[in-house]
Amino acid sequence: MPVVGPAGSRLAVWGDPIDHSRSPDLHGAAYRLLGLDWEYGRRRVDEAGFDAALDALDATWRGLSLTMPLKERAHARADRLDEDALLTGAVNTLLLGEEVRGFNTDVGGLTSALVAGGLGAAGTARVLGGGATARSALVSLRRLGVGVVELSTRRAEQAAELAGFADRIGLRATTAELGSEAVRSAVDLTISTLPGTAVLPDGVMSALAGRGGALFSAAYAPWPTPLVLAWTDAPVLSGLEMLLHQAVRQIRIFLHGDAEQELPDEPGVLEVMRAALR
C-alpha cells in the first residue's frame, strides 16, 4: 500500500519523565502485526533540549510521539498543523519529512476512550488541571455534547486562561481553586489531567469524589493514583485507555499521513495493543 510521508523507519516517544511510558509496548505490538520493520523507542528529552534534539535527527527518522512537557514546543516547531493541534496549541505527534507535520491525537483518543468506557454521555463535567491535556479534554467534552464544565486548577491565572479557551470552543465554564475544599456543583464526569503522583488534601479529594461522578484519570503510572483511591463508589477509567486510542491514531499518521484513515485489520491491531498493556 502507498505510504505518505518519510521513508525512515525510526520512531520514539520523548518526554520528561519518560521511563514509565507504555507507548513502546503499544507501537511495537502494532508494528509486528502490520508487518512493519520499524523500531520505536523512548528518550528522555526536556523542554530546554527539545529543539536541539529535533534538529539532530536524520533521514532515518519517521516520526515522534510527544508527552509532557513537550507538547507546546512541538506545536511551535511544526510546519503544518492538524485541526486539533491548531485548536489546542498542543502537538503530541510529529510526522517528519521535508516538512514537519504536527498532530494532536489526544482529543480523538480521549473521545474514543470515554465512549468505549461507557462515559460518553455525560451532561456536565469537571476538569482538574490546566495544561495541554486539559485543553484537549475540553475539546473532547465539547464534541461529546457536554455543555457545562467546572475547571479546577491550582492557579487563578491558569483557570482564567482555560475558561477563555472553553468559551471560544462553545463550552460554559466556571472555575474553582483546586487547593480549596469548595466543590461548587455535582457533575456526571471528572477528568483529571493531574500527574499520577499528585496528592491533594484529604478534604479536597473527598469533596471531589463525593460530587464528581465517574472519573477518567489521564495518568496511569503509578496506578492507582491517590485520587483514584479516593473514588470509591463510581466508575474509574485509566489513562491507559486514552493512551491506547490515541496511539492508534498516531500509527495511522505514521503509516498513511492521516489520523482518520483506518489501519489494515484495525480491530486486530487494537486487540494486540490492548494485550500488550496487560
C-alpha atoms as a PDB file:
ATOM      1  CA  MET A   1       0.000   0.000   0.000  1.00  0.00           C
ATOM      2  CA  PRO A   2       1.283   3.542  -0.601  1.00  0.00           C
ATOM      3  CA  VAL A   3       2.778   5.290   2.398  1.00  0.00           C
ATOM      4  CA  VAL A   4       2.504   9.062   2.642  1.00  0.00           C
ATOM      5  CA  GLY A   5       5.444  10.676   4.373  1.00  0.00           C
ATOM      6  CA  PRO A   6       9.115   9.970   5.023  1.00  0.00           C
ATOM      7  CA  ALA A   7      10.944   6.745   4.250  1.00  0.00           C
ATOM      8  CA  GLY A   8      12.573   6.451   7.665  1.00  0.00           C
ATOM      9  CA  SER A   9      11.881   3.545   9.995  1.00  0.00           C
ATOM     10  CA  ARG A  10      12.873   5.024  13.371  1.00  0.00           C
ATOM     11  CA  LEU A  11      10.312   6.378  15.836  1.00  0.00           C
ATOM     12  CA  ALA A  12      10.253   7.166  19.545  1.00  0.00           C
ATOM     13  CA  VAL A  13       8.359   8.793  22.363  1.00  0.00           C
ATOM     14  CA  TRP A  14      10.040  11.796  24.001  1.00  0.00           C
ATOM     15  CA  GLY A  15       9.264  13.435  27.309  1.00  0.00           C
ATOM     16  CA  ASP A  16      10.488  14.087  30.828  1.00  0.00           C
ATOM     17  CA  PRO A  17       9.942  11.829  32.722  1.00  0.00           C
ATOM     18  CA  ILE A  18       9.711   9.011  30.192  1.00  0.00           C
ATOM     19  CA  ASP A  19      10.708   5.681  31.808  1.00  0.00           C
ATOM     20  CA  HIS A  20       7.062   4.945  32.713  1.00  0.00           C
ATOM     21  CA  SER A  21       5.788   5.251  29.133  1.00  0.00           C
ATOM     22  CA  ARG A  22       3.942   2.242  27.712  1.00  0.00           C
ATOM     23  CA  SER A  23       3.995   3.653  24.180  1.00  0.00           C
ATOM     24  CA  PRO A  24       6.867   1.383  23.035  1.00  0.00           C
ATOM     25  CA  ASP A  25       4.790  -1.665  24.061  1.00  0.00           C
ATOM     26  CA  LEU A  26       1.745  -0.418  22.139  1.00  0.00           C
ATOM     27  CA  HIS A  27       3.562   0.606  18.982  1.00  0.00           C
ATOM     28  CA  GLY A  28       5.804  -2.461  18.917  1.00  0.00           C
ATOM     29  CA  ALA A  29       2.822  -4.808  19.096  1.00  0.00           C
ATOM     30  CA  ALA A  30       1.027  -2.963  16.293  1.00  0.00           C
ATOM     31  CA  TYR A  31       4.075  -2.847  14.015  1.00  0.00           C
ATOM     32  CA  ARG A  32       4.639  -6.588  14.377  1.00  0.00           C
ATOM     33  CA  LEU A  33       1.054  -7.371  13.400  1.00  0.00           C
ATOM     34  CA  LEU A  34       1.188  -4.966  10.463  1.00  0.00           C
ATOM     35  CA  GLY A  35       4.498  -6.406   9.248  1.00  0.00           C
ATOM     36  CA  LEU A  36       6.301  -3.072   9.571  1.00  0.00           C
ATOM     37  CA  ASP A  37      10.052  -3.202  10.059  1.00  0.00           C
ATOM     38  CA  TRP A  38      10.055  -0.118  12.254  1.00  0.00           C
ATOM     39  CA  GLU A  39      11.736   0.492  15.585  1.00  0.00           C
ATOM     40  CA  TYR A  40      10.108   2.544  18.339  1.00  0.00           C
ATOM     41  CA  GLY A  41      11.996   3.607  21.453  1.00  0.00           C
ATOM     42  CA  ARG A  42      11.862   6.149  24.233  1.00  0.00           C
ATOM     43  CA  ARG A  43      14.140   9.050  25.091  1.00  0.00           C
ATOM     44  CA  ARG A  44      14.218  11.487  27.947  1.00  0.00           C
ATOM     45  CA  VAL A  45      14.102  14.986  26.441  1.00  0.00           C
ATOM     46  CA  ASP A  46      13.247  18.073  28.463  1.00  0.00           C
ATOM     47  CA  GLU A  47      11.775  21.313  27.181  1.00  0.00           C
ATOM     48  CA  ALA A  48      15.121  23.113  27.050  1.00  0.00           C
ATOM     49  CA  GLY A  49      16.725  20.351  24.998  1.00  0.00           C
ATOM     50  CA  PHE A  50      13.879  19.689  22.580  1.00  0.00           C
ATOM     51  CA  ASP A  51      14.917  21.951  19.693  1.00  0.00           C
ATOM     52  CA  ALA A  52      18.492  20.640  19.592  1.00  0.00           C
ATOM     53  CA  ALA A  53      17.328  17.026  19.822  1.00  0.00           C
ATOM     54  CA  LEU A  54      14.841  17.513  16.978  1.00  0.00           C
ATOM     55  CA  ASP A  55      17.386  19.276  14.789  1.00  0.00           C
ATOM     56  CA  ALA A  56      19.835  16.385  15.266  1.00  0.00           C
ATOM     57  CA  LEU A  57      17.509  13.775  13.718  1.00  0.00           C
ATOM     58  CA  ASP A  58      18.468  12.471  10.285  1.00  0.00           C
ATOM     59  CA  ALA A  59      16.508  10.945   7.399  1.00  0.00           C
ATOM     60  CA  THR A  60      16.245   7.574   9.146  1.00  0.00           C
ATOM     61  CA  TRP A  61      13.581   9.078  11.431  1.00  0.00           C
ATOM     62  CA  ARG A  62       9.897   8.801  10.530  1.00  0.00           C
ATOM     63  CA  GLY A  63       8.145  10.416  13.486  1.00  0.00           C
ATOM     64  CA  LEU A  64       7.842  11.174  17.176  1.00  0.00           C
ATOM     65  CA  SER A  65       5.292  10.860  19.938  1.00  0.00           C
ATOM     66  CA  LEU A  66       5.492  13.683  22.492  1.00  0.00           C
ATOM     67  CA  THR A  67       4.418  13.764  26.099  1.00  0.00           C
ATOM     68  CA  MET A  68       4.896  16.210  28.975  1.00  0.00           C
ATOM     69  CA  PRO A  69       6.423  18.797  28.850  1.00  0.00           C
ATOM     70  CA  LEU A  70       6.981  18.929  25.085  1.00  0.00           C
ATOM     71  CA  LYS A  71       3.548  19.394  23.522  1.00  0.00           C
ATOM     72  CA  GLU A  72       3.731  23.187  23.234  1.00  0.00           C
ATOM     73  CA  ARG A  73       7.330  23.096  21.963  1.00  0.00           C
ATOM     74  CA  ALA A  74       6.366  20.538  19.318  1.00  0.00           C
ATOM     75  CA  HIS A  75       3.484  22.787  18.298  1.00  0.00           C
ATOM     76  CA  ALA A  76       5.903  25.666  17.782  1.00  0.00           C
ATOM     77  CA  ARG A  77       8.220  23.580  15.592  1.00  0.00           C
ATOM     78  CA  ALA A  78       5.632  22.091  13.233  1.00  0.00           C
ATOM     79  CA  ASP A  79       5.413  23.499   9.709  1.00  0.00           C
ATOM     80  CA  ARG A  80       1.807  22.342   9.322  1.00  0.00           C
ATOM     81  CA  LEU A  81      -0.795  21.510  11.974  1.00  0.00           C
ATOM     82  CA  ASP A  82      -3.967  19.467  12.014  1.00  0.00           C
ATOM     83  CA  GLU A  83      -7.256  20.939  13.229  1.00  0.00           C
ATOM     84  CA  ASP A  84      -6.971  19.738  16.827  1.00  0.00           C
ATOM     85  CA  ALA A  85      -3.377  20.912  17.138  1.00  0.00           C
ATOM     86  CA  LEU A  86      -4.379  24.344  15.822  1.00  0.00           C
ATOM     87  CA  LEU A  87      -7.296  24.488  18.237  1.00  0.00           C
ATOM     88  CA  THR A  88      -5.471  23.374  21.382  1.00  0.00           C
ATOM     89  CA  GLY A  89      -1.991  24.775  20.794  1.00  0.00           C
ATOM     90  CA  ALA A  90      -0.576  21.327  21.574  1.00  0.00           C
ATOM     91  CA  VAL A  91       1.078  18.616  19.465  1.00  0.00           C
ATOM     92  CA  ASN A  92       1.680  15.060  20.638  1.00  0.00           C
ATOM     93  CA  THR A  93       2.672  13.607  17.246  1.00  0.00           C
ATOM     94  CA  LEU A  94       5.226  14.780  14.692  1.00  0.00           C
ATOM     95  CA  LEU A  95       5.479  13.295  11.211  1.00  0.00           C
ATOM     96  CA  LEU A  96       8.949  14.085   9.886  1.00  0.00           C
ATOM     97  CA  GLY A  97       9.992  14.700   6.298  1.00  0.00           C
ATOM     98  CA  GLU A  98      10.610  17.675   4.042  1.00  0.00           C
ATOM     99  CA  GLU A  99       8.071  19.433   6.224  1.00  0.00           C
ATOM    100  CA  VAL A 100       7.305  18.683   9.853  1.00  0.00           C
ATOM    101  CA  ARG A 101       3.612  17.963  10.377  1.00  0.00           C
ATOM    102  CA  GLY A 102       2.104  18.276  13.843  1.00  0.00           C
ATOM    103  CA  PHE A 103      -0.988  16.470  15.116  1.00  0.00           C
ATOM    104  CA  ASN A 104      -2.921  16.275  18.362  1.00  0.00           C
ATOM    105  CA  THR A 105      -4.292  12.747  18.723  1.00  0.00           C
ATOM    106  CA  ASP A 106      -5.133  13.229  22.409  1.00  0.00           C
ATOM    107  CA  VAL A 107      -8.529  14.739  21.551  1.00  0.00           C
ATOM    108  CA  GLY A 108      -9.684  11.818  19.425  1.00  0.00           C
ATOM    109  CA  GLY A 109      -8.017   9.320  21.744  1.00  0.00           C
ATOM    110  CA  LEU A 110      -9.845  10.644  24.804  1.00  0.00           C
ATOM    111  CA  THR A 111     -13.158  10.800  22.954  1.00  0.00           C
ATOM    112  CA  SER A 112     -12.840   7.166  21.874  1.00  0.00           C
ATOM    113  CA  ALA A 113     -11.729   6.080  25.357  1.00  0.00           C
ATOM    114  CA  LEU A 114     -14.707   7.745  27.037  1.00  0.00           C
ATOM    115  CA  VAL A 115     -17.190   6.274  24.561  1.00  0.00           C
ATOM    116  CA  ALA A 116     -15.653   2.784  24.762  1.00  0.00           C
ATOM    117  CA  GLY A 117     -15.664   3.022  28.573  1.00  0.00           C
ATOM    118  CA  GLY A 118     -19.342   3.958  28.724  1.00  0.00           C
ATOM    119  CA  LEU A 119     -18.646   7.528  29.862  1.00  0.00           C
ATOM    120  CA  GLY A 120     -19.506   9.364  26.654  1.00  0.00           C
ATOM    121  CA  ALA A 121     -22.981  10.563  27.630  1.00  0.00           C
ATOM    122  CA  ALA A 122     -22.134  12.983  30.453  1.00  0.00           C
ATOM    123  CA  GLY A 123     -24.053  16.240  30.555  1.00  0.00           C
ATOM    124  CA  THR A 124     -21.766  18.043  32.993  1.00  0.00           C
ATOM    125  CA  ALA A 125     -18.087  17.603  33.755  1.00  0.00           C
ATOM    126  CA  ARG A 126     -15.206  18.822  35.877  1.00  0.00           C
ATOM    127  CA  VAL A 127     -11.635  19.073  34.560  1.00  0.00           C
ATOM    128  CA  LEU A 128      -8.755  19.022  37.042  1.00  0.00           C
ATOM    129  CA  GLY A 129      -5.536  20.703  35.918  1.00  0.00           C
ATOM    130  CA  GLY A 130      -4.823  23.393  33.373  1.00  0.00           C
ATOM    131  CA  GLY A 131      -2.186  22.272  30.875  1.00  0.00           C
ATOM    132  CA  ALA A 132      -2.199  20.967  27.314  1.00  0.00           C
ATOM    133  CA  THR A 133      -4.090  17.799  28.198  1.00  0.00           C
ATOM    134  CA  ALA A 134      -6.804  19.862  29.892  1.00  0.00           C
ATOM    135  CA  ARG A 135      -7.350  21.807  26.672  1.00  0.00           C
ATOM    136  CA  SER A 136      -7.605  18.553  24.735  1.00  0.00           C
ATOM    137  CA  ALA A 137     -10.097  17.281  27.310  1.00  0.00           C
ATOM    138  CA  LEU A 138     -12.289  20.354  26.833  1.00  0.00           C
ATOM    139  CA  VAL A 139     -12.387  19.853  23.057  1.00  0.00           C
ATOM    140  CA  SER A 140     -13.285  16.202  23.564  1.00  0.00           C
ATOM    141  CA  LEU A 141     -16.063  17.088  26.022  1.00  0.00           C
ATOM    142  CA  ARG A 142     -17.484  19.650  23.612  1.00  0.00           C
ATOM    143  CA  ARG A 143     -17.602  17.085  20.814  1.00  0.00           C
ATOM    144  CA  LEU A 144     -19.366  14.620  23.093  1.00  0.00           C
ATOM    145  CA  GLY A 145     -22.079  17.194  23.741  1.00  0.00           C
ATOM    146  CA  VAL A 146     -21.156  18.360  27.247  1.00  0.00           C
ATOM    147  CA  GLY A 147     -22.403  21.909  27.679  1.00  0.00           C
ATOM    148  CA  VAL A 148     -21.236  22.880  31.179  1.00  0.00           C
ATOM    149  CA  VAL A 149     -17.813  22.274  32.708  1.00  0.00           C
ATOM    150  CA  GLU A 150     -16.194  23.258  36.003  1.00  0.00           C
ATOM    151  CA  LEU A 151     -12.464  23.973  35.824  1.00  0.00           C
ATOM    152  CA  SER A 152     -10.346  23.257  38.898  1.00  0.00           C
ATOM    153  CA  THR A 153      -6.760  24.486  38.726  1.00  0.00           C
ATOM    154  CA  ARG A 154      -4.059  25.406  41.217  1.00  0.00           C
ATOM    155  CA  ARG A 155      -3.520  28.937  39.893  1.00  0.00           C
ATOM    156  CA  ALA A 156      -6.100  31.626  39.183  1.00  0.00           C
ATOM    157  CA  GLU A 157      -4.374  32.808  36.002  1.00  0.00           C
ATOM    158  CA  GLN A 158      -4.355  29.265  34.662  1.00  0.00           C
ATOM    159  CA  ALA A 159      -8.082  28.952  35.378  1.00  0.00           C
ATOM    160  CA  ALA A 160      -8.787  32.241  33.598  1.00  0.00           C
ATOM    161  CA  GLU A 161      -6.852  31.154  30.501  1.00  0.00           C
ATOM    162  CA  LEU A 162      -8.592  27.785  30.404  1.00  0.00           C
ATOM    163  CA  ALA A 163     -12.022  29.390  30.921  1.00  0.00           C
ATOM    164  CA  GLY A 164     -11.331  31.673  27.973  1.00  0.00           C
ATOM    165  CA  PHE A 165     -10.418  28.671  25.855  1.00  0.00           C
ATOM    166  CA  ALA A 166     -13.625  26.888  26.909  1.00  0.00           C
ATOM    167  CA  ASP A 167     -15.668  29.916  25.913  1.00  0.00           C
ATOM    168  CA  ARG A 168     -14.010  30.064  22.485  1.00  0.00           C
ATOM    169  CA  ILE A 169     -14.989  26.473  21.719  1.00  0.00           C
ATOM    170  CA  GLY A 170     -18.563  26.889  22.952  1.00  0.00           C
ATOM    171  CA  LEU A 171     -18.448  25.492  26.491  1.00  0.00           C
ATOM    172  CA  ARG A 172     -19.938  27.221  29.520  1.00  0.00           C
ATOM    173  CA  ALA A 173     -17.288  27.113  32.221  1.00  0.00           C
ATOM    174  CA  THR A 174     -16.998  28.000  35.881  1.00  0.00           C
ATOM    175  CA  THR A 175     -13.758  27.960  37.849  1.00  0.00           C
ATOM    176  CA  ALA A 176     -12.777  26.768  41.292  1.00  0.00           C
ATOM    177  CA  GLU A 177      -9.474  26.672  43.155  1.00  0.00           C
ATOM    178  CA  LEU A 178      -8.122  23.141  43.253  1.00  0.00           C
ATOM    179  CA  GLY A 179      -6.410  23.779  46.558  1.00  0.00           C
ATOM    180  CA  SER A 180      -9.624  24.683  48.373  1.00  0.00           C
ATOM    181  CA  GLU A 181     -12.276  22.308  49.677  1.00  0.00           C
ATOM    182  CA  ALA A 182     -15.002  24.115  47.737  1.00  0.00           C
ATOM    183  CA  VAL A 183     -16.605  21.961  45.063  1.00  0.00           C
ATOM    184  CA  ARG A 184     -19.297  24.117  43.592  1.00  0.00           C
ATOM    185  CA  SER A 185     -21.555  21.535  41.993  1.00  0.00           C
ATOM    186  CA  ALA A 186     -22.076  17.851  41.383  1.00  0.00           C
ATOM    187  CA  VAL A 187     -21.070  16.640  37.902  1.00  0.00           C
ATOM    188  CA  ASP A 188     -21.520  13.492  35.858  1.00  0.00           C
ATOM    189  CA  LEU A 189     -17.857  13.094  34.926  1.00  0.00           C
ATOM    190  CA  THR A 190     -14.488  14.225  36.275  1.00  0.00           C
ATOM    191  CA  ILE A 191     -11.440  14.280  34.001  1.00  0.00           C
ATOM    192  CA  SER A 192      -8.172  14.546  35.899  1.00  0.00           C
ATOM    193  CA  THR A 193      -5.135  15.710  33.946  1.00  0.00           C
ATOM    194  CA  LEU A 194      -3.037  15.871  37.119  1.00  0.00           C
ATOM    195  CA  PRO A 195       0.230  13.906  37.364  1.00  0.00           C
ATOM    196  CA  GLY A 196      -0.156  10.439  38.802  1.00  0.00           C
ATOM    197  CA  THR A 197       1.861  11.405  41.859  1.00  0.00           C
ATOM    198  CA  ALA A 198      -0.245  14.494  42.662  1.00  0.00           C
ATOM    199  CA  VAL A 199      -1.554  14.469  46.244  1.00  0.00           C
ATOM    200  CA  LEU A 200      -4.385  16.758  47.318  1.00  0.00           C
ATOM    201  CA  PRO A 201      -5.571  17.333  50.883  1.00  0.00           C
ATOM    202  CA  ASP A 202      -7.918  14.600  52.094  1.00  0.00           C
ATOM    203  CA  GLY A 203     -10.830  17.019  52.345  1.00  0.00           C
ATOM    204  CA  VAL A 204     -10.365  18.127  48.760  1.00  0.00           C
ATOM    205  CA  MET A 205     -10.205  14.581  47.414  1.00  0.00           C
ATOM    206  CA  SER A 206     -13.260  13.561  49.428  1.00  0.00           C
ATOM    207  CA  ALA A 207     -15.234  16.529  48.082  1.00  0.00           C
ATOM    208  CA  LEU A 208     -14.168  15.852  44.510  1.00  0.00           C
ATOM    209  CA  ALA A 209     -15.031  12.161  44.779  1.00  0.00           C
ATOM    210  CA  GLY A 210     -18.334  12.796  46.519  1.00  0.00           C
ATOM    211  CA  ARG A 211     -19.621  15.125  43.805  1.00  0.00           C
ATOM    212  CA  GLY A 212     -17.509  14.073  40.846  1.00  0.00           C
ATOM    213  CA  GLY A 213     -19.471  11.308  39.138  1.00  0.00           C
ATOM    214  CA  ALA A 214     -17.343   8.897  37.098  1.00  0.00           C
ATOM    215  CA  LEU A 215     -13.581   9.533  36.946  1.00  0.00           C
ATOM    216  CA  PHE A 216     -11.233   9.465  33.981  1.00  0.00           C
ATOM    217  CA  SER A 217      -7.608   9.822  35.078  1.00  0.00           C
ATOM    218  CA  ALA A 218      -5.194  10.706  32.287  1.00  0.00           C
ATOM    219  CA  ALA A 219      -2.388   9.394  34.495  1.00  0.00           C
ATOM    220  CA  TYR A 220      -1.610   5.685  34.579  1.00  0.00           C
ATOM    221  CA  ALA A 221       1.724   5.446  36.392  1.00  0.00           C
ATOM    222  CA  PRO A 222       1.811   4.940  39.280  1.00  0.00           C
ATOM    223  CA  TRP A 223      -1.580   3.229  39.498  1.00  0.00           C
ATOM    224  CA  PRO A 224      -3.844   3.588  41.317  1.00  0.00           C
ATOM    225  CA  THR A 225      -3.198   7.288  41.857  1.00  0.00           C
ATOM    226  CA  PRO A 226      -4.103   8.923  45.193  1.00  0.00           C
ATOM    227  CA  LEU A 227      -7.144  10.488  43.526  1.00  0.00           C
ATOM    228  CA  VAL A 228      -8.296   7.138  42.134  1.00  0.00           C
ATOM    229  CA  LEU A 229      -8.070   5.623  45.621  1.00  0.00           C
ATOM    230  CA  ALA A 230     -10.470   8.308  46.863  1.00  0.00           C
ATOM    231  CA  TRP A 231     -13.024   7.402  44.156  1.00  0.00           C
ATOM    232  CA  THR A 232     -14.705   4.525  45.933  1.00  0.00           C
ATOM    233  CA  ASP A 233     -18.297   4.470  44.629  1.00  0.00           C
ATOM    234  CA  ALA A 234     -18.179   5.463  40.965  1.00  0.00           C
ATOM    235  CA  PRO A 235     -16.661   4.108  37.738  1.00  0.00           C
ATOM    236  CA  VAL A 236     -12.959   4.848  37.127  1.00  0.00           C
ATOM    237  CA  LEU A 237     -11.209   4.760  33.754  1.00  0.00           C
ATOM    238  CA  SER A 238      -7.421   4.621  33.465  1.00  0.00           C
ATOM    239  CA  GLY A 239      -5.324   6.827  31.228  1.00  0.00           C
ATOM    240  CA  LEU A 240      -4.116   3.662  29.513  1.00  0.00           C
ATOM    241  CA  GLU A 241      -7.377   3.724  27.553  1.00  0.00           C
ATOM    242  CA  MET A 242      -6.613   7.175  26.175  1.00  0.00           C
ATOM    243  CA  LEU A 243      -3.021   6.104  25.508  1.00  0.00           C
ATOM    244  CA  LEU A 244      -4.298   3.126  23.511  1.00  0.00           C
ATOM    245  CA  HIS A 245      -6.767   5.020  21.347  1.00  0.00           C
ATOM    246  CA  GLN A 246      -4.500   7.988  20.678  1.00  0.00           C
ATOM    247  CA  ALA A 247      -1.690   5.590  19.742  1.00  0.00           C
ATOM    248  CA  VAL A 248      -3.908   4.008  17.068  1.00  0.00           C
ATOM    249  CA  ARG A 249      -4.285   7.463  15.534  1.00  0.00           C
ATOM    250  CA  GLN A 250      -0.531   8.017  15.741  1.00  0.00           C
ATOM    251  CA  ILE A 251       0.135   4.792  13.863  1.00  0.00           C
ATOM    252  CA  ARG A 252      -2.373   5.845  11.190  1.00  0.00           C
ATOM    253  CA  ILE A 253      -0.374   9.061  10.826  1.00  0.00           C
ATOM    254  CA  PHE A 254       2.989   7.285  10.661  1.00  0.00           C
ATOM    255  CA  LEU A 255       1.642   4.865   8.037  1.00  0.00           C
ATOM    256  CA  HIS A 256      -0.790   6.958   5.979  1.00  0.00           C
ATOM    257  CA  GLY A 257      -0.083  10.569   6.962  1.00  0.00           C
ATOM    258  CA  ASP A 258      -3.741  10.788   8.012  1.00  0.00           C
ATOM    259  CA  ALA A 259      -5.162  10.294  11.513  1.00  0.00           C
ATOM    260  CA  GLU A 260      -8.582   9.337  10.145  1.00  0.00           C
ATOM    261  CA  GLN A 261      -7.555   6.644   7.629  1.00  0.00           C
ATOM    262  CA  GLU A 262      -8.004   3.312   9.360  1.00  0.00           C
ATOM    263  CA  LEU A 263      -5.244   0.730   9.598  1.00  0.00           C
ATOM    264  CA  PRO A 264      -5.391  -2.644   7.854  1.00  0.00           C
ATOM    265  CA  ASP A 265      -7.164  -5.030  10.283  1.00  0.00           C
ATOM    266  CA  GLU A 266      -7.614  -2.258  12.820  1.00  0.00           C
ATOM    267  CA  PRO A 267      -9.699  -4.423  15.205  1.00  0.00           C
ATOM    268  CA  GLY A 268      -6.814  -6.893  15.254  1.00  0.00           C
ATOM    269  CA  VAL A 269      -4.337  -4.080  15.856  1.00  0.00           C
ATOM    270  CA  LEU A 270      -6.398  -2.854  18.806  1.00  0.00           C
ATOM    271  CA  GLU A 271      -6.541  -6.376  20.204  1.00  0.00           C
ATOM    272  CA  VAL A 272      -2.768  -6.917  20.197  1.00  0.00           C
ATOM    273  CA  MET A 273      -2.129  -3.412  21.531  1.00  0.00           C
ATOM    274  CA  ARG A 274      -4.545  -3.962  24.405  1.00  0.00           C
ATOM    275  CA  ALA A 275      -2.905  -7.312  25.151  1.00  0.00           C
ATOM    276  CA  ALA A 276       0.470  -5.541  25.308  1.00  0.00           C
ATOM    277  CA  LEU A 277      -0.837  -3.383  28.164  1.00  0.00           C
ATOM    278  CA  ARG A 278      -1.848  -6.341  30.343  1.00  0.00           C
END
